[in-house]
Amino acid sequence: QVQLVEAGGGLAQPGGSLRLSCAASGHTFSRCDMAWFRQAPGKERDIVTSINWSGGTKYYAPSVKGRFNISRDNAKKTVYLEMNSLKLEDTAVYYCAAALTLGGGIWSQPPRGASGYTYWGQGTQVTVSS
């Protein structure tokens, strides 16, 4: 079992920055691919970015590439999402998600769809507004 707790959401101005964190419990974090999803009102939950268990492979949605950065610290059982140059359309609830891997290599690809993730955090609101 993996329990996830997000923190760091809040209000930011366009062009500003926020840093989200997701702390995991349990003994399997280092074997988990991790991802951030977001869901705006009336829209589906979409992937923002993901990172594999080793940190060797990352994926970014085109809408955030070059602005957001995902990282992980396996010793602290925490994954981070650094969000820069925020836009109004980044407003959403952000969810942390984990997928226990089945022994993939250090360059394995993490899942991109929500169905690939078993464990979810409760979500944290990010609002970008002037």
Foldseek 3Di string as FASTA:
>chain_A
DKAKAKDWADEAAQQAKTKMKIAIDDDQLLQKKKFKWWDDPPGDIFTAKIAGSLRQDMDGDPVQPPFKDWDDDVVRRMIMIIGGSDDQVVWTWMKMFIARDDDDDNHDDQDGDPVRTDYMYPTDTHGYHD
